[in-house]
Amino acid sequence: MAQIGRMLVTLGIVLIIVGALIWSGLGGWIGKLPGDIRIERGNGGFYFPIVTCIVISVVLSLIFSLFRR
């Protein structure tokens, strides 16, 4: 049970840091990377940030692998 608590606290800290970066404007690149799919026609649009998802996944994997050691 202690490991779950430690993981939740770590996840909360990471979310606070990411939220503060986005709020301050330093995360302006999120969702605007080359390779993100954006289709806008008329009054509607479709947006799929595939490259952004891959980058975030790699970064989070590296962070969590550091905490496992």
N, C-alpha and C. Protein backbone atom coordinates (compact mmCIF):
# COMPACT_ATOMS: atom_id res chain seq x y z
N MET A 1 0.82 -1.19 0.00
CA MET A 1 0.00 0.00 0.00
C MET A 1 0.87 1.25 0.00
N ALA A 2 2.04 1.19 0.62
CA ALA A 2 2.92 2.36 0.66
C ALA A 2 3.43 2.72 -0.74
N GLN A 3 3.62 1.71 -1.59
CA GLN A 3 4.10 1.98 -2.94
C GLN A 3 3.05 2.72 -3.76
N ILE A 4 1.78 2.37 -3.56
CA ILE A 4 0.71 3.07 -4.27
C ILE A 4 0.66 4.53 -3.83
N GLY A 5 0.80 4.76 -2.54
CA GLY A 5 0.80 6.13 -2.03
C GLY A 5 1.96 6.94 -2.58
N ARG A 6 3.14 6.34 -2.63
CA ARG A 6 4.32 7.02 -3.16
C ARG A 6 4.13 7.33 -4.64
N MET A 7 3.53 6.40 -5.38
CA MET A 7 3.31 6.63 -6.80
C MET A 7 2.28 7.75 -7.02
N LEU A 8 1.24 7.78 -6.22
CA LEU A 8 0.23 8.83 -6.35
C LEU A 8 0.80 10.22 -6.02
N VAL A 9 1.65 10.28 -5.00
CA VAL A 9 2.28 11.56 -4.67
C VAL A 9 3.21 12.00 -5.79
N THR A 10 3.99 11.08 -6.34
CA THR A 10 4.88 11.41 -7.45
C THR A 10 4.09 11.87 -8.66
N LEU A 11 3.01 11.17 -8.98
CA LEU A 11 2.18 11.57 -10.11
C LEU A 11 1.57 12.95 -9.88
N GLY A 12 1.16 13.23 -8.66
CA GLY A 12 0.61 14.55 -8.34
C GLY A 12 1.64 15.65 -8.51
N ILE A 13 2.86 15.41 -8.07
CA ILE A 13 3.92 16.40 -8.22
C ILE A 13 4.23 16.66 -9.69
N VAL A 14 4.28 15.58 -10.48
CA VAL A 14 4.54 15.72 -11.91
C VAL A 14 3.41 16.52 -12.57
N LEU A 15 2.17 16.23 -12.21
CA LEU A 15 1.04 16.97 -12.78
C LEU A 15 1.07 18.45 -12.40
N ILE A 16 1.47 18.75 -11.17
CA ILE A 16 1.57 20.15 -10.75
C ILE A 16 2.65 20.87 -11.54
N ILE A 17 3.79 20.22 -11.74
CA ILE A 17 4.88 20.85 -12.49
C ILE A 17 4.48 21.07 -13.94
N VAL A 18 3.88 20.05 -14.57
CA VAL A 18 3.45 20.19 -15.96
C VAL A 18 2.38 21.26 -16.08
N GLY A 19 1.43 21.29 -15.16
CA GLY A 19 0.39 22.30 -15.18
C GLY A 19 0.95 23.71 -15.03
N ALA A 20 1.93 23.87 -14.15
CA ALA A 20 2.55 25.19 -13.96
C ALA A 20 3.30 25.62 -15.21
N LEU A 21 3.97 24.68 -15.88
CA LEU A 21 4.68 25.01 -17.12
C LEU A 21 3.72 25.43 -18.22
N ILE A 22 2.63 24.71 -18.35
CA ILE A 22 1.65 25.05 -19.39
C ILE A 22 0.99 26.38 -19.07
N TRP A 23 0.66 26.59 -17.82
CA TRP A 23 -0.02 27.83 -17.40
C TRP A 23 0.88 29.05 -17.61
N SER A 24 2.19 28.88 -17.39
CA SER A 24 3.11 30.00 -17.52
C SER A 24 3.46 30.30 -18.99
N GLY A 25 3.07 29.42 -19.89
CA GLY A 25 3.34 29.66 -21.30
C GLY A 25 4.56 28.92 -21.82
N LEU A 26 5.29 28.22 -20.96
CA LEU A 26 6.46 27.49 -21.41
C LEU A 26 6.09 26.21 -22.14
N GLY A 27 4.86 25.78 -22.01
CA GLY A 27 4.42 24.56 -22.68
C GLY A 27 3.69 24.86 -23.97
N GLY A 28 4.01 25.97 -24.62
CA GLY A 28 3.34 26.37 -25.84
C GLY A 28 3.58 25.43 -27.01
N TRP A 29 4.60 24.60 -26.93
CA TRP A 29 4.91 23.67 -28.01
C TRP A 29 4.01 22.44 -27.97
N ILE A 30 3.35 22.21 -26.84
CA ILE A 30 2.52 21.02 -26.69
C ILE A 30 1.35 21.11 -27.67
N GLY A 31 1.24 20.12 -28.52
CA GLY A 31 0.17 20.09 -29.50
C GLY A 31 0.47 20.79 -30.79
N LYS A 32 1.67 21.32 -30.93
CA LYS A 32 2.03 22.04 -32.15
C LYS A 32 3.30 21.50 -32.79
N LEU A 33 3.60 20.25 -32.54
CA LEU A 33 4.80 19.64 -33.10
C LEU A 33 4.55 19.19 -34.54
N PRO A 34 5.62 19.14 -35.34
CA PRO A 34 5.45 18.59 -36.69
C PRO A 34 5.03 17.13 -36.59
N GLY A 35 4.05 16.74 -37.34
CA GLY A 35 3.54 15.37 -37.29
C GLY A 35 2.19 15.27 -36.60
N ASP A 36 1.82 16.29 -35.85
CA ASP A 36 0.49 16.32 -35.26
C ASP A 36 -0.52 16.55 -36.39
N ILE A 37 -1.61 15.83 -36.36
CA ILE A 37 -2.58 15.87 -37.45
C ILE A 37 -3.67 16.89 -37.11
N ARG A 38 -3.88 17.83 -38.00
CA ARG A 38 -4.92 18.85 -37.83
C ARG A 38 -5.64 19.04 -39.16
N ILE A 39 -6.95 18.81 -39.13
CA ILE A 39 -7.78 18.99 -40.32
C ILE A 39 -8.92 19.92 -39.94
N GLU A 40 -9.00 21.05 -40.61
CA GLU A 40 -10.06 22.01 -40.34
C GLU A 40 -10.80 22.29 -41.63
N ARG A 41 -12.11 22.08 -41.60
CA ARG A 41 -12.95 22.34 -42.77
C ARG A 41 -14.25 22.98 -42.31
N GLY A 42 -14.57 24.07 -42.91
CA GLY A 42 -15.83 24.73 -42.58
C GLY A 42 -15.92 25.10 -41.11
N ASN A 43 -16.97 24.64 -40.46
CA ASN A 43 -17.18 24.95 -39.05
C ASN A 43 -16.62 23.90 -38.11
N GLY A 44 -16.06 22.82 -38.64
CA GLY A 44 -15.58 21.74 -37.79
C GLY A 44 -14.11 21.48 -37.99
N GLY A 45 -13.61 20.66 -37.13
CA GLY A 45 -12.20 20.31 -37.25
C GLY A 45 -11.88 19.03 -36.53
N PHE A 46 -10.76 18.44 -36.88
CA PHE A 46 -10.27 17.22 -36.26
C PHE A 46 -8.81 17.45 -35.91
N TYR A 47 -8.44 17.06 -34.69
CA TYR A 47 -7.08 17.27 -34.24
C TYR A 47 -6.60 16.04 -33.50
N PHE A 48 -5.47 15.48 -33.92
CA PHE A 48 -4.90 14.31 -33.27
C PHE A 48 -3.41 14.54 -33.06
N PRO A 49 -3.00 14.84 -31.83
CA PRO A 49 -1.59 15.17 -31.55
C PRO A 49 -0.73 13.92 -31.34
N ILE A 50 -0.51 13.15 -32.39
CA ILE A 50 0.18 11.87 -32.26
C ILE A 50 1.65 12.04 -31.84
N VAL A 51 2.37 12.98 -32.42
CA VAL A 51 3.78 13.17 -32.08
C VAL A 51 3.91 13.71 -30.65
N THR A 52 3.01 14.60 -30.27
CA THR A 52 3.03 15.11 -28.90
C THR A 52 2.80 13.98 -27.91
N CYS A 53 1.88 13.07 -28.21
CA CYS A 53 1.62 11.93 -27.34
C CYS A 53 2.86 11.04 -27.21
N ILE A 54 3.56 10.83 -28.31
CA ILE A 54 4.76 10.00 -28.28
C ILE A 54 5.84 10.66 -27.43
N VAL A 55 6.05 11.96 -27.60
CA VAL A 55 7.06 12.68 -26.82
C VAL A 55 6.73 12.63 -25.33
N ILE A 56 5.49 12.88 -24.97
CA ILE A 56 5.08 12.84 -23.57
C ILE A 56 5.25 11.44 -23.01
N SER A 57 4.92 10.41 -23.78
CA SER A 57 5.07 9.03 -23.34
C SER A 57 6.54 8.68 -23.06
N VAL A 58 7.43 9.11 -23.94
CA VAL A 58 8.86 8.83 -23.75
C VAL A 58 9.38 9.54 -22.51
N VAL A 59 9.01 10.81 -22.34
CA VAL A 59 9.47 11.58 -21.18
C VAL A 59 8.97 10.97 -19.89
N LEU A 60 7.69 10.61 -19.84
CA LEU A 60 7.14 10.00 -18.62
C LEU A 60 7.76 8.63 -18.34
N SER A 61 8.04 7.86 -19.40
CA SER A 61 8.70 6.56 -19.21
C SER A 61 10.09 6.74 -18.61
N LEU A 62 10.82 7.73 -19.08
CA LEU A 62 12.15 8.00 -18.51
C LEU A 62 12.07 8.44 -17.06
N ILE A 63 11.11 9.30 -16.75
CA ILE A 63 10.94 9.77 -15.37
C ILE A 63 10.59 8.63 -14.44
N PHE A 64 9.63 7.78 -14.85
CA PHE A 64 9.22 6.68 -13.99
C PHE A 64 10.28 5.61 -13.88
N SER A 65 11.10 5.43 -14.91
CA SER A 65 12.17 4.45 -14.80
C SER A 65 13.24 4.92 -13.81
N LEU A 66 13.42 6.23 -13.68
CA LEU A 66 14.36 6.76 -12.69
C LEU A 66 13.86 6.50 -11.27
N PHE A 67 12.54 6.57 -11.06
CA PHE A 67 11.98 6.37 -9.73
C PHE A 67 11.96 4.88 -9.34
N ARG A 68 11.99 3.98 -10.32
CA ARG A 68 11.99 2.54 -10.01
C ARG A 68 13.33 2.10 -9.46
N ARG A 69 14.39 2.80 -9.78
CA ARG A 69 15.72 2.38 -9.35
C ARG A 69 15.99 2.74 -7.93
